[in-house]
C-alpha atoms as a PDB file:
ATOM      1  CA  UNK A   1      28.267   9.296 -10.484  1.00  0.00           C
ATOM      2  CA  UNK A   2      30.678   8.057  -7.842  1.00  0.00           C
ATOM      3  CA  UNK A   3      29.446   6.765  -4.718  1.00  0.00           C
ATOM      4  CA  UNK A   4      31.388   5.363  -1.423  1.00  0.00           C
ATOM      5  CA  UNK A   5      29.233   2.090  -1.083  1.00  0.00           C
ATOM      6  CA  UNK A   6      31.237   0.844   1.845  1.00  0.00           C
ATOM      7  CA  UNK A   7      30.492   4.047   4.236  1.00  0.00           C
ATOM      8  CA  UNK A   8      27.091   4.028   3.121  1.00  0.00           C
ATOM      9  CA  UNK A   9      26.478   0.519   4.092  1.00  0.00           C
ATOM     10  CA  UNK A  10      27.713   0.931   7.399  1.00  0.00           C
ATOM     11  CA  UNK A  11      25.254   3.925   8.174  1.00  0.00           C
ATOM     12  CA  UNK A  12      22.405   2.518  10.202  1.00  0.00           C
ATOM     13  CA  UNK A  13      20.023   5.399   8.456  1.00  0.00           C
ATOM     14  CA  UNK A  14      20.856   4.684   4.977  1.00  0.00           C
ATOM     15  CA  UNK A  15      20.307   0.795   5.725  1.00  0.00           C
ATOM     16  CA  UNK A  16      16.981   1.332   7.448  1.00  0.00           C
ATOM     17  CA  UNK A  17      15.628   3.585   4.445  1.00  0.00           C
ATOM     18  CA  UNK A  18      16.913   0.938   2.058  1.00  0.00           C
ATOM     19  CA  UNK A  19      15.209  -1.867   3.852  1.00  0.00           C
ATOM     20  CA  UNK A  20      11.963   0.211   4.084  1.00  0.00           C
ATOM     21  CA  UNK A  21      12.267   0.986   0.314  1.00  0.00           C
ATOM     22  CA  UNK A  22      12.560  -2.756  -0.186  1.00  0.00           C
ATOM     23  CA  UNK A  23       9.322  -3.725   1.677  1.00  0.00           C
ATOM     24  CA  UNK A  24       7.470  -0.957  -0.182  1.00  0.00           C
ATOM     25  CA  UNK A  25       8.630  -2.289  -3.573  1.00  0.00           C
ATOM     26  CA  UNK A  26       7.814  -5.961  -2.582  1.00  0.00           C
ATOM     27  CA  UNK A  27       4.455  -4.955  -1.357  1.00  0.00           C
ATOM     28  CA  UNK A  28       3.749  -2.971  -4.729  1.00  0.00           C
ATOM     29  CA  UNK A  29       4.977  -5.918  -6.846  1.00  0.00           C
ATOM     30  CA  UNK A  30       2.515  -8.028  -4.707  1.00  0.00           C
ATOM     31  CA  UNK A  31      -0.347  -5.927  -5.442  1.00  0.00           C
ATOM     32  CA  UNK A  32       0.428  -5.770  -9.126  1.00  0.00           C
ATOM     33  CA  UNK A  33       0.433  -9.754  -9.085  1.00  0.00           C
ATOM     34  CA  UNK A  34      -2.772  -9.921  -7.438  1.00  0.00           C
ATOM     35  CA  UNK A  35      -1.817 -10.526  -3.809  1.00  0.00           C
ATOM     36  CA  UNK A  36      -3.779  -9.009  -0.822  1.00  0.00           C
ATOM     37  CA  UNK A  37      -1.017  -7.377   1.134  1.00  0.00           C
ATOM     38  CA  UNK A  38      -3.426  -5.879   3.611  1.00  0.00           C
ATOM     39  CA  UNK A  39      -1.765  -6.145   7.139  1.00  0.00           C
ATOM     40  CA  UNK A  40      -4.576  -6.044   9.455  1.00  0.00           C
ATOM     41  CA  UNK A  41      -7.079  -3.619   7.908  1.00  0.00           C
ATOM     42  CA  UNK A  42      -6.672  -0.814   5.650  1.00  0.00           C
ATOM     43  CA  UNK A  43      -5.928   1.948   8.105  1.00  0.00           C
ATOM     44  CA  UNK A  44      -3.135  -0.088   9.464  1.00  0.00           C
ATOM     45  CA  UNK A  45      -1.590  -0.968   6.053  1.00  0.00           C
ATOM     46  CA  UNK A  46      -1.880   2.888   5.012  1.00  0.00           C
ATOM     47  CA  UNK A  47       0.093   3.730   8.291  1.00  0.00           C
ATOM     48  CA  UNK A  48       2.441   1.113   7.939  1.00  0.00           C
ATOM     49  CA  UNK A  49       3.023   2.319   4.319  1.00  0.00           C
ATOM     50  CA  UNK A  50       3.604   5.746   5.703  1.00  0.00           C
ATOM     51  CA  UNK A  51       6.116   4.903   8.209  1.00  0.00           C
ATOM     52  CA  UNK A  52       7.670   2.993   5.573  1.00  0.00           C
ATOM     53  CA  UNK A  53       7.770   6.050   3.374  1.00  0.00           C
ATOM     54  CA  UNK A  54       8.942   8.427   6.082  1.00  0.00           C
ATOM     55  CA  UNK A  55      12.297   5.855   6.986  1.00  0.00           C
ATOM     56  CA  UNK A  56      12.732   5.973   3.148  1.00  0.00           C
ATOM     57  CA  UNK A  57      12.843   9.932   3.408  1.00  0.00           C
ATOM     58  CA  UNK A  58      15.336   9.702   6.170  1.00  0.00           C
ATOM     59  CA  UNK A  59      17.589   7.284   4.549  1.00  0.00           C
ATOM     60  CA  UNK A  60      17.594   9.409   1.543  1.00  0.00           C
ATOM     61  CA  UNK A  61      18.257  12.943   3.083  1.00  0.00           C
ATOM     62  CA  UNK A  62      20.712  11.950   5.904  1.00  0.00           C
ATOM     63  CA  UNK A  63      24.423  12.246   5.104  1.00  0.00           C
ATOM     64  CA  UNK A  64      25.741   8.710   5.206  1.00  0.00           C
ATOM     65  CA  UNK A  65      29.395  10.144   5.573  1.00  0.00           C
ATOM     66  CA  UNK A  66      28.748  11.541   9.032  1.00  0.00           C
ATOM     67  CA  UNK A  67      27.930  10.138  12.204  1.00  0.00           C
ATOM     68  CA  UNK A  68      24.442  10.354  13.252  1.00  0.00           C
ATOM     69  CA  UNK A  69      21.674  12.575  11.284  1.00  0.00           C
ATOM     70  CA  UNK A  70      23.638  15.964  11.094  1.00  0.00           C
ATOM     71  CA  UNK A  71      25.702  17.452   8.290  1.00  0.00           C
ATOM     72  CA  UNK A  72      29.397  17.815   8.465  1.00  0.00           C
ATOM     73  CA  UNK A  73      30.630  20.882   9.578  1.00  0.00           C
ATOM     74  CA  UNK A  74      32.136  21.401   6.030  1.00  0.00           C
ATOM     75  CA  UNK A  75      28.619  20.418   4.494  1.00  0.00           C
ATOM     76  CA  UNK A  76      27.146  22.986   6.570  1.00  0.00           C
ATOM     77  CA  UNK A  77      29.109  26.100   4.982  1.00  0.00           C
ATOM     78  CA  UNK A  78      28.075  25.021   1.454  1.00  0.00           C
ATOM     79  CA  UNK A  79      26.412  27.583  -0.483  1.00  0.00           C
ATOM     80  CA  UNK A  80      25.690  25.167  -3.541  1.00  0.00           C
ATOM     81  CA  UNK A  81      26.578  21.452  -4.040  1.00  0.00           C
ATOM     82  CA  UNK A  82      30.243  20.590  -4.211  1.00  0.00           C
ATOM     83  CA  UNK A  83      31.627  20.494  -7.773  1.00  0.00           C
ATOM     84  CA  UNK A  84      34.208  17.655  -7.925  1.00  0.00           C
ATOM     85  CA  UNK A  85      35.303  18.397 -11.338  1.00  0.00           C
END
């Protein structure tokens, strides 16, 4: 598996998704260790987690090798994933 981390770490959506994932993981570890991670009340905590999960999804779905959230013209023409072998 080859990943161009230089490009990914310069892409805002990827960084936002990675940060949101880190917050969710920290929260889950806190719950496992017995800490109360409720923000204000249960509903606010659930809403916060939903927003974080959405941000993680955006960071995963977006192509970090292009500007913004669109795929490149080349990627839009693919019928199947490109095989680099």
